[in-house]
Every structure is written in C-alpha cells, then in structure tokens.
Amino acid sequence: MIARAGLLPDLVHTSVLRRSIHTAETVLDRLGRFWIPVRRTWRLNERQYGALTGRSKRRTRIEAGPELYEQWRRSLHGCPSPLPEDRLALLRADPRYASLPGEGVPAVETFAVVIARVLPYWSDLLAPALTLRCHRAARRTRQLSCAPSSPCSATSTNPASTT
C-alpha cells in the first residue's frame, strides 16, 4: 500500500523500543529500502504508564473501573501510579537511556509530559524535513503545494480545472 501510493521513505524516524525498531525494519525490507538511514530516539517512545506497564488493558480497566481507567488513558494530566523503584532502576540502567538528562526515564508520564517530550523532536527535525521535502516535490512535480505551517495537499496543474 505504501509503495503503490508512491510514499517510499528516504529516512525513517523511530523510537528506541524493540517493537518499533522491528516494525521499521520489516517495512523497509518489504519496500526494498532496507538501506536508508534510520534515526532512533527515546523522544518517540510510547507513553510511560508507570505501574501499569506490562499489564493488559482489559484487566486494568476491570480492576480500576472505567472512569479512572479513561482518566489515566485520555486526560491530559491524569496518570496512574509510578513504576516501582526496583523496576524503574532497571529501566534507567538500560544503555538506550544513558544519555537522557536529569534522572532519565520518568517513573510515569501524563499526556502533557509526552507532548513536551515529543514536541522538540517534531519542531527541530520532523516538521522542517517534511516542509523541505514538500517544497522539493512541488518543484519537481508541480502537483504539490506546501506552506511551512500546513500539510502538503495535492493540487491540479490543469489550468482548466477549478478547485
């Protein structure tokens, strides 16, 4: 589906989590683009759910009740209990997180914390690269129009058509 849409990547961004890395490698292999660069960063890791890490969503919802469960999962500032100290110490000792500032991996994250973690990567690397790529594609194909603060959109190059 990706190849048919002409969306072949020339760079991949992924988290440092095994599942994410494996997925990126699988997709690149199937696209025949296993050779392209892959940037891995902890900033793209999934949310740290603290004490809920490794537990099934179904069981957690039953034990906590639907209201509290939804607050943990959907609210901007709600979060479950932090990861116990022994498990947190193991996670913080992982070499993938050796260069993190401060205490490193948080014991738990709210959505607000996740946004603050991801936003610098988006602003500094992803958004500028996507904008530059859109502008280059527009010059080559004349079928894309992009503005620095808006997503790419297809436009017609046929003067007779109206949009």
N, C-alpha and C. Protein backbone atom coordinates (compact mmCIF):
# COMPACT_ATOMS: atom_id res chain seq x y z
N MET A 1 0.83 -1.19 0.00
CA MET A 1 0.00 0.00 0.00
C MET A 1 0.88 1.26 0.00
N ILE A 2 1.93 1.28 0.80
CA ILE A 2 2.82 2.43 0.85
C ILE A 2 3.50 2.64 -0.50
N ALA A 3 4.02 1.56 -1.06
CA ALA A 3 4.72 1.65 -2.36
C ALA A 3 3.76 2.06 -3.47
N ARG A 4 2.55 1.48 -3.47
CA ARG A 4 1.57 1.83 -4.51
C ARG A 4 1.19 3.29 -4.45
N ALA A 5 1.21 3.87 -3.27
CA ALA A 5 0.86 5.29 -3.11
C ALA A 5 2.05 6.20 -3.44
N GLY A 6 3.19 5.60 -3.74
CA GLY A 6 4.37 6.40 -4.07
C GLY A 6 4.97 7.10 -2.86
N LEU A 7 4.79 6.52 -1.70
CA LEU A 7 5.27 7.13 -0.47
C LEU A 7 6.52 6.43 0.07
N LEU A 8 7.46 6.17 -0.79
CA LEU A 8 8.68 5.49 -0.38
C LEU A 8 9.55 6.43 0.46
N PRO A 9 9.88 6.03 1.66
CA PRO A 9 10.66 6.91 2.54
C PRO A 9 12.12 6.96 2.13
N ASP A 10 12.77 8.09 2.45
CA ASP A 10 14.21 8.17 2.28
C ASP A 10 14.91 8.33 3.63
N LEU A 11 14.11 8.37 4.69
CA LEU A 11 14.62 8.43 6.06
C LEU A 11 13.49 7.95 6.97
N VAL A 12 13.84 7.19 8.00
CA VAL A 12 12.84 6.69 8.95
C VAL A 12 13.20 7.19 10.35
N HIS A 13 12.20 7.61 11.07
CA HIS A 13 12.35 8.02 12.47
C HIS A 13 11.58 7.01 13.31
N THR A 14 12.20 6.50 14.35
CA THR A 14 11.55 5.52 15.21
C THR A 14 12.01 5.70 16.65
N SER A 15 11.29 5.09 17.56
CA SER A 15 11.70 5.12 18.96
C SER A 15 12.84 4.13 19.17
N VAL A 16 13.28 4.00 20.41
CA VAL A 16 14.32 3.03 20.72
C VAL A 16 13.73 1.73 21.28
N LEU A 17 12.41 1.60 21.17
CA LEU A 17 11.75 0.39 21.65
C LEU A 17 11.85 -0.72 20.60
N ARG A 18 12.10 -1.93 21.07
CA ARG A 18 12.33 -3.08 20.19
C ARG A 18 11.21 -3.26 19.17
N ARG A 19 9.97 -3.19 19.59
CA ARG A 19 8.82 -3.39 18.69
C ARG A 19 8.81 -2.36 17.57
N SER A 20 9.11 -1.13 17.89
CA SER A 20 9.13 -0.06 16.91
C SER A 20 10.27 -0.25 15.91
N ILE A 21 11.44 -0.59 16.42
CA ILE A 21 12.59 -0.83 15.55
C ILE A 21 12.32 -2.00 14.61
N HIS A 22 11.76 -3.07 15.15
CA HIS A 22 11.45 -4.25 14.34
C HIS A 22 10.43 -3.91 13.24
N THR A 23 9.42 -3.15 13.60
CA THR A 23 8.40 -2.75 12.62
C THR A 23 9.04 -1.92 11.50
N ALA A 24 9.87 -0.96 11.86
CA ALA A 24 10.54 -0.13 10.85
C ALA A 24 11.39 -0.99 9.92
N GLU A 25 12.15 -1.93 10.49
CA GLU A 25 12.99 -2.80 9.67
C GLU A 25 12.17 -3.68 8.74
N THR A 26 11.05 -4.20 9.24
CA THR A 26 10.17 -5.04 8.43
C THR A 26 9.60 -4.26 7.26
N VAL A 27 9.10 -3.06 7.53
CA VAL A 27 8.52 -2.23 6.47
C VAL A 27 9.58 -1.87 5.43
N LEU A 28 10.75 -1.45 5.89
CA LEU A 28 11.82 -1.09 4.95
C LEU A 28 12.24 -2.28 4.10
N ASP A 29 12.30 -3.45 4.69
CA ASP A 29 12.67 -4.65 3.94
C ASP A 29 11.62 -4.96 2.88
N ARG A 30 10.35 -4.89 3.24
CA ARG A 30 9.28 -5.16 2.27
C ARG A 30 9.23 -4.13 1.16
N LEU A 31 9.67 -2.92 1.44
CA LEU A 31 9.70 -1.88 0.43
C LEU A 31 10.99 -1.92 -0.40
N GLY A 32 11.90 -2.80 0.00
CA GLY A 32 13.19 -2.87 -0.68
C GLY A 32 14.06 -1.66 -0.39
N ARG A 33 13.86 -1.06 0.76
CA ARG A 33 14.60 0.16 1.12
C ARG A 33 15.32 -0.02 2.45
N PHE A 34 15.80 -1.23 2.70
CA PHE A 34 16.48 -1.55 3.95
C PHE A 34 17.76 -0.74 4.14
N TRP A 35 18.24 -0.11 3.09
CA TRP A 35 19.50 0.64 3.10
C TRP A 35 19.36 2.08 3.57
N ILE A 36 18.14 2.60 3.69
CA ILE A 36 18.02 4.03 4.02
C ILE A 36 18.32 4.27 5.50
N PRO A 37 18.70 5.49 5.86
CA PRO A 37 19.02 5.80 7.26
C PRO A 37 17.80 5.70 8.17
N VAL A 38 18.06 5.27 9.41
CA VAL A 38 17.02 5.17 10.44
C VAL A 38 17.52 5.96 11.64
N ARG A 39 16.73 6.94 12.07
CA ARG A 39 17.06 7.70 13.27
C ARG A 39 16.20 7.18 14.41
N ARG A 40 16.88 6.79 15.48
CA ARG A 40 16.17 6.28 16.65
C ARG A 40 16.34 7.28 17.79
N THR A 41 15.24 7.55 18.48
CA THR A 41 15.30 8.47 19.61
C THR A 41 14.30 8.07 20.68
N TRP A 42 14.68 8.26 21.91
CA TRP A 42 13.80 7.99 23.05
C TRP A 42 12.60 8.94 23.04
N ARG A 43 12.74 10.09 22.39
CA ARG A 43 11.65 11.06 22.36
C ARG A 43 10.41 10.51 21.67
N LEU A 44 10.57 9.49 20.81
CA LEU A 44 9.42 8.89 20.12
C LEU A 44 8.90 7.64 20.82
N ASN A 45 9.44 7.33 21.99
CA ASN A 45 8.93 6.19 22.75
C ASN A 45 7.46 6.39 23.09
N GLU A 46 6.77 5.28 23.27
CA GLU A 46 5.38 5.38 23.72
C GLU A 46 5.34 5.91 25.14
N ARG A 47 4.16 6.26 25.57
CA ARG A 47 3.96 6.83 26.90
C ARG A 47 4.38 5.86 27.99
N GLN A 48 5.01 6.37 29.04
CA GLN A 48 5.40 5.57 30.20
C GLN A 48 4.19 5.50 31.14
N TYR A 49 3.60 4.31 31.21
CA TYR A 49 2.38 4.13 32.02
C TYR A 49 2.66 3.72 33.46
N GLY A 50 3.89 3.85 33.90
CA GLY A 50 4.20 3.60 35.30
C GLY A 50 3.86 2.18 35.73
N ALA A 51 3.14 2.09 36.85
CA ALA A 51 2.80 0.79 37.43
C ALA A 51 1.93 -0.07 36.50
N LEU A 52 1.33 0.52 35.50
CA LEU A 52 0.50 -0.24 34.56
C LEU A 52 1.32 -0.90 33.45
N THR A 53 2.60 -0.57 33.36
CA THR A 53 3.46 -1.11 32.31
C THR A 53 3.44 -2.64 32.36
N GLY A 54 3.17 -3.23 31.21
CA GLY A 54 3.15 -4.69 31.10
C GLY A 54 1.83 -5.34 31.45
N ARG A 55 0.88 -4.57 31.93
CA ARG A 55 -0.42 -5.13 32.31
C ARG A 55 -1.39 -5.02 31.14
N SER A 56 -2.35 -5.91 31.08
CA SER A 56 -3.33 -5.87 29.99
C SER A 56 -4.32 -4.73 30.23
N LYS A 57 -4.74 -4.11 29.15
CA LYS A 57 -5.71 -3.02 29.24
C LYS A 57 -7.04 -3.53 29.81
N ARG A 58 -7.46 -4.68 29.35
CA ARG A 58 -8.74 -5.24 29.80
C ARG A 58 -8.75 -5.46 31.31
N ARG A 59 -7.71 -6.10 31.81
CA ARG A 59 -7.65 -6.39 33.25
C ARG A 59 -7.56 -5.08 34.05
N THR A 60 -6.77 -4.15 33.58
CA THR A 60 -6.61 -2.87 34.27
C THR A 60 -7.93 -2.11 34.32
N ARG A 61 -8.67 -2.13 33.22
CA ARG A 61 -9.97 -1.44 33.18
C ARG A 61 -10.95 -2.05 34.20
N ILE A 62 -10.95 -3.36 34.30
CA ILE A 62 -11.84 -4.04 35.25
C ILE A 62 -11.45 -3.70 36.69
N GLU A 63 -10.14 -3.76 36.97
CA GLU A 63 -9.67 -3.51 38.34
C GLU A 63 -9.84 -2.05 38.77
N ALA A 64 -9.55 -1.12 37.88
CA ALA A 64 -9.59 0.30 38.23
C ALA A 64 -10.98 0.91 38.06
N GLY A 65 -11.78 0.30 37.20
CA GLY A 65 -13.08 0.87 36.87
C GLY A 65 -12.95 1.76 35.64
N PRO A 66 -14.02 1.83 34.84
CA PRO A 66 -13.96 2.56 33.57
C PRO A 66 -13.62 4.04 33.70
N GLU A 67 -14.13 4.70 34.73
CA GLU A 67 -13.90 6.14 34.86
C GLU A 67 -12.43 6.46 35.13
N LEU A 68 -11.84 5.79 36.09
CA LEU A 68 -10.44 6.01 36.41
C LEU A 68 -9.54 5.57 35.26
N TYR A 69 -9.88 4.45 34.66
CA TYR A 69 -9.12 3.94 33.52
C TYR A 69 -9.09 4.97 32.38
N GLU A 70 -10.24 5.53 32.05
CA GLU A 70 -10.30 6.53 30.98
C GLU A 70 -9.54 7.81 31.36
N GLN A 71 -9.59 8.18 32.63
CA GLN A 71 -8.84 9.35 33.08
C GLN A 71 -7.34 9.12 32.87
N TRP A 72 -6.85 7.94 33.23
CA TRP A 72 -5.43 7.62 33.04
C TRP A 72 -5.05 7.65 31.57
N ARG A 73 -5.91 7.11 30.74
CA ARG A 73 -5.57 6.93 29.33
C ARG A 73 -5.86 8.15 28.46
N ARG A 74 -6.84 8.96 28.79
CA ARG A 74 -7.29 10.01 27.86
C ARG A 74 -7.11 11.44 28.35
N SER A 75 -6.97 11.65 29.64
CA SER A 75 -6.88 13.03 30.10
C SER A 75 -5.45 13.56 29.92
N LEU A 76 -5.33 14.85 29.79
CA LEU A 76 -4.04 15.48 29.56
C LEU A 76 -3.12 15.36 30.78
N HIS A 77 -3.70 15.39 31.96
CA HIS A 77 -2.88 15.41 33.17
C HIS A 77 -3.04 14.19 34.07
N GLY A 78 -3.95 13.28 33.75
CA GLY A 78 -4.15 12.11 34.59
C GLY A 78 -3.09 11.06 34.33
N CYS A 79 -2.70 10.36 35.38
CA CYS A 79 -1.75 9.25 35.20
C CYS A 79 -1.89 8.27 36.36
N PRO A 80 -1.53 7.01 36.10
CA PRO A 80 -1.57 6.00 37.16
C PRO A 80 -0.39 6.16 38.11
N SER A 81 -0.27 5.23 39.03
CA SER A 81 0.85 5.23 39.97
C SER A 81 2.16 5.06 39.21
N PRO A 82 3.25 5.61 39.76
CA PRO A 82 4.54 5.47 39.10
C PRO A 82 5.06 4.03 39.12
N LEU A 83 6.00 3.77 38.26
CA LEU A 83 6.67 2.48 38.21
C LEU A 83 7.39 2.27 39.54
N PRO A 84 7.31 1.08 40.12
CA PRO A 84 8.03 0.83 41.38
C PRO A 84 9.54 1.07 41.21
N GLU A 85 10.18 1.51 42.28
CA GLU A 85 11.60 1.91 42.24
C GLU A 85 12.51 0.82 41.68
N ASP A 86 12.29 -0.45 42.04
CA ASP A 86 13.17 -1.51 41.55
C ASP A 86 13.07 -1.66 40.03
N ARG A 87 11.86 -1.59 39.50
CA ARG A 87 11.68 -1.69 38.04
C ARG A 87 12.19 -0.43 37.33
N LEU A 88 11.99 0.72 37.96
CA LEU A 88 12.48 1.97 37.40
C LEU A 88 14.01 1.98 37.34
N ALA A 89 14.67 1.47 38.38
CA ALA A 89 16.13 1.41 38.40
C ALA A 89 16.65 0.54 37.26
N LEU A 90 15.99 -0.58 36.98
CA LEU A 90 16.40 -1.44 35.86
C LEU A 90 16.24 -0.72 34.53
N LEU A 91 15.14 -0.02 34.37
CA LEU A 91 14.88 0.71 33.13
C LEU A 91 15.90 1.84 32.95
N ARG A 92 16.19 2.56 34.01
CA ARG A 92 17.15 3.66 33.92
C ARG A 92 18.57 3.17 33.67
N ALA A 93 18.87 1.93 34.02
CA ALA A 93 20.20 1.36 33.78
C ALA A 93 20.38 0.88 32.34
N ASP A 94 19.30 0.84 31.58
CA ASP A 94 19.34 0.40 30.18
C ASP A 94 20.22 1.36 29.38
N PRO A 95 21.18 0.83 28.60
CA PRO A 95 22.08 1.71 27.83
C PRO A 95 21.38 2.62 26.82
N ARG A 96 20.17 2.27 26.40
CA ARG A 96 19.44 3.14 25.47
C ARG A 96 19.13 4.49 26.08
N TYR A 97 19.09 4.55 27.41
CA TYR A 97 18.69 5.77 28.09
C TYR A 97 19.84 6.45 28.84
N ALA A 98 21.07 6.02 28.59
CA ALA A 98 22.24 6.54 29.31
C ALA A 98 22.45 8.03 29.09
N SER A 99 22.06 8.55 27.93
CA SER A 99 22.31 9.96 27.64
C SER A 99 21.16 10.89 28.01
N LEU A 100 20.11 10.36 28.62
CA LEU A 100 18.97 11.20 28.98
C LEU A 100 19.35 12.20 30.08
N PRO A 101 18.79 13.40 30.01
CA PRO A 101 19.10 14.41 31.03
C PRO A 101 18.42 14.09 32.36
N GLY A 102 18.91 14.68 33.41
CA GLY A 102 18.30 14.54 34.73
C GLY A 102 18.29 13.11 35.22
N GLU A 103 17.15 12.69 35.74
CA GLU A 103 17.02 11.33 36.25
C GLU A 103 16.79 10.31 35.14
N GLY A 104 16.63 10.79 33.93
CA GLY A 104 16.44 9.85 32.81
C GLY A 104 14.99 9.50 32.62
N VAL A 105 14.72 8.23 32.43
CA VAL A 105 13.36 7.75 32.17
C VAL A 105 12.45 8.11 33.34
N PRO A 106 11.31 8.73 33.06
CA PRO A 106 10.38 9.08 34.15
C PRO A 106 9.67 7.84 34.70
N ALA A 107 9.20 7.92 35.92
CA ALA A 107 8.50 6.82 36.56
C ALA A 107 7.09 6.65 36.01
N VAL A 108 6.53 7.72 35.45
CA VAL A 108 5.20 7.72 34.84
C VAL A 108 5.07 9.01 34.03
N GLU A 109 4.22 9.01 33.01
CA GLU A 109 4.03 10.21 32.20
C GLU A 109 2.55 10.50 32.00
N THR A 110 2.22 11.78 31.99
CA THR A 110 0.90 12.23 31.56
C THR A 110 1.01 12.53 30.06
N PHE A 111 -0.13 12.76 29.40
CA PHE A 111 -0.07 13.17 28.00
C PHE A 111 0.67 14.50 27.86
N ALA A 112 0.50 15.39 28.82
CA ALA A 112 1.18 16.68 28.76
C ALA A 112 2.70 16.48 28.76
N VAL A 113 3.20 15.55 29.55
CA VAL A 113 4.63 15.26 29.59
C VAL A 113 5.09 14.64 28.27
N VAL A 114 4.27 13.76 27.70
CA VAL A 114 4.62 13.15 26.41
C VAL A 114 4.71 14.23 25.32
N ILE A 115 3.77 15.14 25.32
CA ILE A 115 3.79 16.23 24.34
C ILE A 115 5.07 17.05 24.50
N ALA A 116 5.42 17.36 25.72
CA ALA A 116 6.64 18.14 25.98
C ALA A 116 7.89 17.37 25.55
N ARG A 117 7.84 16.06 25.63
CA ARG A 117 8.97 15.22 25.22
C ARG A 117 9.10 15.14 23.70
N VAL A 118 7.97 14.99 23.01
CA VAL A 118 7.97 14.79 21.56
C VAL A 118 8.10 16.11 20.79
N LEU A 119 7.54 17.17 21.32
CA LEU A 119 7.49 18.44 20.60
C LEU A 119 8.85 18.95 20.11
N PRO A 120 9.92 18.91 20.91
CA PRO A 120 11.21 19.38 20.38
C PRO A 120 11.68 18.57 19.16
N TYR A 121 11.46 17.27 19.18
CA TYR A 121 11.86 16.44 18.04
C TYR A 121 11.03 16.79 16.82
N TRP A 122 9.74 17.00 17.02
CA TRP A 122 8.86 17.40 15.92
C TRP A 122 9.31 18.76 15.36
N SER A 123 9.47 19.73 16.22
CA SER A 123 9.79 21.09 15.80
C SER A 123 11.18 21.22 15.17
N ASP A 124 12.16 20.53 15.75
CA ASP A 124 13.54 20.68 15.30
C ASP A 124 13.89 19.79 14.11
N LEU A 125 13.28 18.61 14.01
CA LEU A 125 13.68 17.67 12.97
C LEU A 125 12.58 17.28 11.99
N LEU A 126 11.46 16.83 12.49
CA LEU A 126 10.43 16.28 11.61
C LEU A 126 9.74 17.35 10.76
N ALA A 127 9.20 18.38 11.39
CA ALA A 127 8.46 19.40 10.63
C ALA A 127 9.33 20.08 9.58
N PRO A 128 10.55 20.51 9.91
CA PRO A 128 11.38 21.13 8.86
C PRO A 128 11.71 20.16 7.72
N ALA A 129 11.97 18.90 8.04
CA ALA A 129 12.29 17.93 6.99
C ALA A 129 11.09 17.68 6.09
N LEU A 130 9.90 17.60 6.67
CA LEU A 130 8.69 17.40 5.86
C LEU A 130 8.41 18.61 4.99
N THR A 131 8.59 19.79 5.53
CA THR A 131 8.37 21.01 4.75
C THR A 131 9.35 21.09 3.59
N LEU A 132 10.62 20.82 3.86
CA LEU A 132 11.64 20.84 2.81
C LEU A 132 11.33 19.81 1.73
N ARG A 133 10.94 18.62 2.16
CA ARG A 133 10.61 17.55 1.21
C ARG A 133 9.41 17.96 0.34
N CYS A 134 8.40 18.57 0.95
CA CYS A 134 7.22 19.02 0.20
C CYS A 134 7.59 20.07 -0.83
N HIS A 135 8.44 21.02 -0.44
CA HIS A 135 8.85 22.06 -1.38
C HIS A 135 9.65 21.48 -2.53
N ARG A 136 10.52 20.52 -2.25
CA ARG A 136 11.29 19.87 -3.32
C ARG A 136 10.37 19.12 -4.26
N ALA A 137 9.40 18.40 -3.69
CA ALA A 137 8.44 17.65 -4.52
C ALA A 137 7.61 18.61 -5.37
N ALA A 138 7.24 19.75 -4.81
CA ALA A 138 6.45 20.72 -5.57
C ALA A 138 7.23 21.25 -6.77
N ARG A 139 8.51 21.48 -6.59
CA ARG A 139 9.33 21.96 -7.70
C ARG A 139 9.48 20.88 -8.77
N ARG A 140 9.59 19.61 -8.36
CA ARG A 140 9.77 18.52 -9.32
C ARG A 140 8.49 18.18 -10.06
N THR A 141 7.38 18.06 -9.34
CA THR A 141 6.17 17.53 -9.96
C THR A 141 5.12 18.60 -10.27
N ARG A 142 5.22 19.71 -9.58
CA ARG A 142 4.21 20.77 -9.71
C ARG A 142 2.81 20.25 -9.41
N GLN A 143 2.75 19.23 -8.58
CA GLN A 143 1.44 18.70 -8.19
C GLN A 143 1.21 18.81 -6.70
N LEU A 144 2.16 19.36 -5.99
CA LEU A 144 2.00 19.54 -4.56
C LEU A 144 2.17 21.00 -4.21
N SER A 145 1.42 21.45 -3.24
CA SER A 145 1.65 22.79 -2.72
C SER A 145 1.78 22.68 -1.22
N CYS A 146 2.75 23.37 -0.68
CA CYS A 146 3.00 23.29 0.75
C CYS A 146 3.25 24.67 1.31
N ALA A 147 2.83 24.87 2.52
CA ALA A 147 3.18 26.07 3.27
C ALA A 147 3.91 25.60 4.50
N PRO A 148 4.84 26.39 5.03
CA PRO A 148 5.63 25.95 6.17
C PRO A 148 4.80 25.49 7.36
N SER A 149 3.63 26.04 7.56
CA SER A 149 2.84 25.68 8.74
C SER A 149 1.63 24.81 8.40
N SER A 150 1.54 24.31 7.17
CA SER A 150 0.40 23.48 6.83
C SER A 150 0.87 22.21 6.13
N PRO A 151 0.06 21.16 6.16
CA PRO A 151 0.45 19.92 5.50
C PRO A 151 0.38 20.06 3.99
N CYS A 152 1.07 19.15 3.31
CA CYS A 152 1.04 19.15 1.84
C CYS A 152 -0.35 18.79 1.36
N SER A 153 -0.72 19.36 0.24
CA SER A 153 -2.01 18.98 -0.35
C SER A 153 -1.84 18.90 -1.84
N ALA A 154 -2.55 17.98 -2.45
CA ALA A 154 -2.47 17.82 -3.89
C ALA A 154 -3.22 18.95 -4.57
N THR A 155 -2.64 19.46 -5.65
CA THR A 155 -3.31 20.49 -6.42
C THR A 155 -3.23 20.11 -7.89
N SER A 156 -4.15 20.60 -8.64
CA SER A 156 -4.17 20.31 -10.07
C SER A 156 -3.25 21.25 -10.82
N THR A 157 -2.57 20.70 -11.83
CA THR A 157 -1.73 21.54 -12.69
C THR A 157 -2.47 21.87 -13.98
N ASN A 158 -3.72 21.45 -14.09
CA ASN A 158 -4.53 21.68 -15.27
C ASN A 158 -5.23 23.03 -15.11
N PRO A 159 -4.87 24.03 -15.93
CA PRO A 159 -5.47 25.36 -15.78
C PRO A 159 -6.98 25.35 -16.00
N ALA A 160 -7.52 24.36 -16.68
CA ALA A 160 -8.95 24.31 -16.96
C ALA A 160 -9.75 23.83 -15.75
N SER A 161 -9.07 23.18 -14.80
CA SER A 161 -9.80 22.66 -13.65
C SER A 161 -9.94 23.73 -12.61
N THR A 162 -10.99 23.61 -11.82
CA THR A 162 -11.19 24.55 -10.71
C THR A 162 -11.30 23.76 -9.44
N THR A 163 -10.84 24.35 -8.37
CA THR A 163 -10.92 23.68 -7.06
C THR A 163 -11.69 24.51 -6.09
